[in-house]
Amino acid sequence: MTDAHLSPDALGSALRDVTEFVDATGWGQPPMLFALVPTAVLAQTDPDLVDEYDDSELSPIAQEQLPLSDDPDTVNDELEHVLATTQWPTAVAGCALVQEIIVLPPQAETDLDEAFEPLMADPDAAEAAARATAHSHPGQQPARLIAGALRDGQRLALLQLRSEESDGRLELLAHPDLAPGLLDALAATLDADHDY
């Protein structure tokens, strides 16, 4: 059973907890998937997992390492397959995924267009050329994409830019058009109700 009375801030708070957890392990991590379980449910079913002073609405639970290769040319397809075949028990109110990405400045769009336009007849080659251009672009910046969805329809994607001059504060950016495909894929894992 899931808590149907989550506040509008529940997902954002859970994604911040997820980001703090992943950030503590440093950069260079593979994508990680989390179940978001109502803390009250977890306190009833697994009280040892909940601190008595924890007042969060949702508790993120890290899942086993995803079966993804280290090949940047195939990891997105593999991740898509994992999400397409993932289902959650009804006690899970939502899920979240964290993955490292490359962010480019707006002026890089011309460079990407030049890289993949000649290859438009072959989508795989075009995507590989765009990816190679992004990774070698002088303006590229590593970032984390943190995306989450709840059964009640809430969705949120956040971006954490990697900064060498970090003062220890966690800065997360949001945009309403950030990662809509990933949010759809996460929401789809919650569509089927399975009791296990």
Protein backbone atom coordinates (compact mmCIF):
# COMPACT_ATOMS: atom_id res chain seq x y z
CA MET A 1 0.00 0.00 0.00
CA THR A 2 1.23 3.50 -0.73
CA ASP A 3 0.52 6.75 1.03
CA ALA A 4 -1.89 8.72 -1.13
CA HIS A 5 -1.39 11.84 0.98
CA LEU A 6 2.12 12.92 0.02
CA SER A 7 2.81 16.63 0.05
CA PRO A 8 3.84 18.50 -3.11
CA ASP A 9 7.36 18.70 -1.64
CA ALA A 10 7.77 14.95 -1.02
CA LEU A 11 9.35 14.11 -4.37
CA GLY A 12 11.76 17.05 -4.33
CA SER A 13 12.90 16.20 -0.81
CA ALA A 14 13.42 12.55 -1.76
CA LEU A 15 15.44 13.52 -4.85
CA ARG A 16 17.63 15.76 -2.71
CA ASP A 17 18.22 12.80 -0.34
CA VAL A 18 19.09 10.62 -3.35
CA THR A 19 21.52 13.25 -4.64
CA GLU A 20 23.23 13.60 -1.25
CA PHE A 21 23.63 9.81 -1.09
CA VAL A 22 25.16 9.59 -4.58
CA ASP A 23 27.25 12.74 -4.13
CA ALA A 24 28.92 11.22 -1.06
CA THR A 25 30.44 8.52 -3.32
CA GLY A 26 31.95 11.06 -5.71
CA TRP A 27 31.78 11.37 -9.47
CA GLY A 28 32.32 8.62 -12.03
CA GLN A 29 29.45 6.44 -10.78
CA PRO A 30 27.23 4.26 -12.99
CA PRO A 31 23.49 5.04 -13.18
CA MET A 32 21.65 4.18 -9.95
CA LEU A 33 17.98 3.31 -9.47
CA PHE A 34 16.09 3.96 -6.23
CA ALA A 35 12.72 2.87 -4.88
CA LEU A 36 10.89 5.67 -3.04
CA VAL A 37 8.95 4.13 -0.17
CA PRO A 38 6.74 6.07 2.25
CA THR A 39 8.76 6.35 5.45
CA ALA A 40 5.69 5.45 7.53
CA VAL A 41 5.28 2.19 5.56
CA LEU A 42 8.98 1.40 5.92
CA ALA A 43 8.78 2.07 9.68
CA GLN A 44 6.04 -0.57 9.93
CA THR A 45 7.62 -3.19 7.68
CA ASP A 46 11.36 -2.65 8.35
CA PRO A 47 11.73 -0.46 11.47
CA ASP A 48 15.50 -1.08 11.59
CA LEU A 49 15.85 0.89 8.34
CA VAL A 50 14.26 4.06 9.71
CA ASP A 51 15.82 6.46 12.19
CA GLU A 52 13.36 7.33 14.94
CA TYR A 53 13.90 11.04 14.21
CA ASP A 54 13.36 10.67 10.44
CA ASP A 55 10.46 12.93 9.52
CA SER A 56 10.82 12.59 5.74
CA GLU A 57 7.76 11.47 3.80
CA LEU A 58 9.69 9.20 1.45
CA SER A 59 12.73 7.02 2.05
CA PRO A 60 14.95 6.26 -0.96
CA ILE A 61 16.16 2.67 -1.14
CA ALA A 62 19.10 2.07 -3.48
CA GLN A 63 18.62 -0.90 -5.78
CA GLU A 64 21.27 -3.37 -6.89
CA GLN A 65 23.74 -2.10 -9.48
CA LEU A 66 22.06 -1.99 -12.87
CA PRO A 67 23.23 -4.54 -15.46
CA LEU A 68 24.79 -1.96 -17.78
CA SER A 69 27.99 -2.14 -19.80
CA ASP A 70 30.74 0.48 -19.74
CA ASP A 71 30.23 1.14 -23.46
CA PRO A 72 28.90 4.72 -23.86
CA ASP A 73 27.49 3.76 -27.27
CA THR A 74 25.12 1.17 -25.81
CA VAL A 75 24.46 2.25 -22.21
CA ASN A 76 21.45 4.42 -23.10
CA ASP A 77 19.76 1.54 -24.97
CA GLU A 78 20.56 -0.80 -22.07
CA LEU A 79 19.13 1.66 -19.55
CA GLU A 80 16.00 2.03 -21.67
CA HIS A 81 15.60 -1.77 -21.66
CA VAL A 82 16.09 -1.98 -17.87
CA LEU A 83 13.41 0.64 -17.25
CA ALA A 84 11.04 -0.96 -19.77
CA THR A 85 11.26 -4.25 -17.84
CA THR A 86 11.15 -2.84 -14.29
CA GLN A 87 8.06 -3.15 -12.08
CA TRP A 88 7.64 -2.15 -8.46
CA PRO A 89 5.63 -3.68 -5.60
CA THR A 90 2.65 -1.63 -4.45
CA ALA A 91 4.46 -0.46 -1.28
CA VAL A 92 6.74 1.60 -3.53
CA ALA A 93 5.27 5.09 -4.01
CA GLY A 94 7.79 6.12 -6.65
CA CYS A 95 11.22 5.68 -8.11
CA ALA A 96 14.25 7.76 -9.00
CA LEU A 97 17.24 7.41 -11.30
CA VAL A 98 20.56 9.20 -11.11
CA GLN A 99 22.94 9.21 -14.06
CA GLU A 100 25.94 11.25 -15.07
CA ILE A 101 25.59 13.20 -18.31
CA ILE A 102 27.39 15.84 -20.34
CA VAL A 103 25.85 19.32 -20.52
CA LEU A 104 26.76 21.64 -23.38
CA PRO A 105 26.38 25.41 -23.66
CA PRO A 106 23.65 26.64 -26.06
CA GLN A 107 26.22 27.71 -28.66
CA ALA A 108 27.31 24.06 -29.04
CA GLU A 109 24.11 23.29 -30.99
CA THR A 110 25.78 24.30 -34.27
CA ASP A 111 28.69 21.91 -33.64
CA LEU A 112 26.27 19.05 -32.91
CA ASP A 113 24.24 19.80 -36.05
CA GLU A 114 27.40 19.72 -38.17
CA ALA A 115 28.41 16.39 -36.62
CA PHE A 116 25.20 14.46 -37.20
CA GLU A 117 23.43 16.12 -40.17
CA PRO A 118 25.54 14.25 -42.79
CA LEU A 119 24.60 10.98 -41.05
CA MET A 120 20.82 11.49 -40.78
CA ALA A 121 20.13 8.41 -42.92
CA ASP A 122 21.74 6.27 -40.21
CA PRO A 123 20.27 7.23 -36.79
CA ASP A 124 22.78 5.10 -34.85
CA ALA A 125 25.75 6.72 -36.62
CA ALA A 126 24.22 10.18 -36.15
CA GLU A 127 23.74 9.57 -32.42
CA ALA A 128 27.30 8.23 -32.05
CA ALA A 129 28.71 11.27 -33.88
CA ALA A 130 26.69 13.67 -31.71
CA ARG A 131 27.84 11.85 -28.55
CA ALA A 132 31.51 11.96 -29.64
CA THR A 133 31.20 15.67 -30.44
CA ALA A 134 29.60 16.36 -27.06
CA HIS A 135 32.35 14.48 -25.16
CA SER A 136 35.12 16.33 -27.00
CA HIS A 137 33.47 19.77 -27.00
CA PRO A 138 35.57 22.36 -25.14
CA GLY A 139 32.46 23.77 -23.45
CA GLN A 140 31.19 20.45 -22.11
CA GLN A 141 30.49 20.12 -18.40
CA PRO A 142 29.87 16.92 -16.45
CA ALA A 143 26.59 16.83 -14.56
CA ARG A 144 24.21 14.51 -12.78
CA LEU A 145 20.64 14.10 -13.92
CA ILE A 146 18.36 13.15 -11.03
CA ALA A 147 14.85 12.17 -12.13
CA GLY A 148 11.92 10.82 -10.17
CA ALA A 149 8.26 9.93 -10.54
CA LEU A 150 5.51 9.04 -8.08
CA ARG A 151 2.42 6.90 -8.55
CA ASP A 152 0.25 9.97 -7.88
CA GLY A 153 1.59 11.59 -11.08
CA GLN A 154 4.24 13.88 -9.61
CA ARG A 155 7.40 14.06 -11.71
CA LEU A 156 10.58 16.02 -11.27
CA ALA A 157 14.01 16.17 -12.91
CA LEU A 158 16.96 18.01 -11.37
CA LEU A 159 20.45 18.78 -12.61
CA GLN A 160 23.63 18.94 -10.53
CA LEU A 161 26.55 20.52 -12.38
CA ARG A 162 30.00 19.29 -11.43
CA SER A 163 32.09 22.11 -10.05
CA GLU A 164 35.75 22.00 -9.09
CA GLU A 165 35.19 25.00 -6.81
CA SER A 166 32.40 23.45 -4.77
CA ASP A 167 32.06 24.81 -1.26
CA GLY A 168 30.29 21.68 -0.09
CA ARG A 169 26.79 22.99 -0.77
CA LEU A 170 24.60 20.91 -3.03
CA GLU A 171 23.18 23.06 -5.84
CA LEU A 172 20.37 21.51 -7.85
CA LEU A 173 18.81 23.12 -10.92
CA ALA A 174 15.31 22.45 -12.27
CA HIS A 175 13.58 23.14 -15.57
CA PRO A 176 10.07 22.06 -16.62
CA ASP A 177 11.38 20.58 -19.90
CA LEU A 178 14.27 18.62 -18.39
CA ALA A 179 14.39 14.91 -19.35
CA PRO A 180 10.72 14.30 -20.33
CA GLY A 181 11.52 10.93 -21.94
CA LEU A 182 13.26 9.66 -18.81
CA LEU A 183 10.41 10.87 -16.61
CA ASP A 184 7.94 9.02 -18.86
CA ALA A 185 10.03 5.84 -18.60
CA LEU A 186 10.21 6.06 -14.80
CA ALA A 187 6.46 6.70 -14.54
CA ALA A 188 5.81 3.67 -16.76
CA THR A 189 7.62 1.41 -14.25
CA LEU A 190 4.94 2.39 -11.73
CA ASP A 191 1.94 1.77 -13.99
CA ALA A 192 1.42 -1.88 -13.22
CA ASP A 193 0.35 -2.79 -9.70
CA HIS A 194 2.05 -5.93 -8.53
CA ASP A 195 1.99 -7.25 -4.99
CA TYR A 196 5.16 -9.08 -4.05
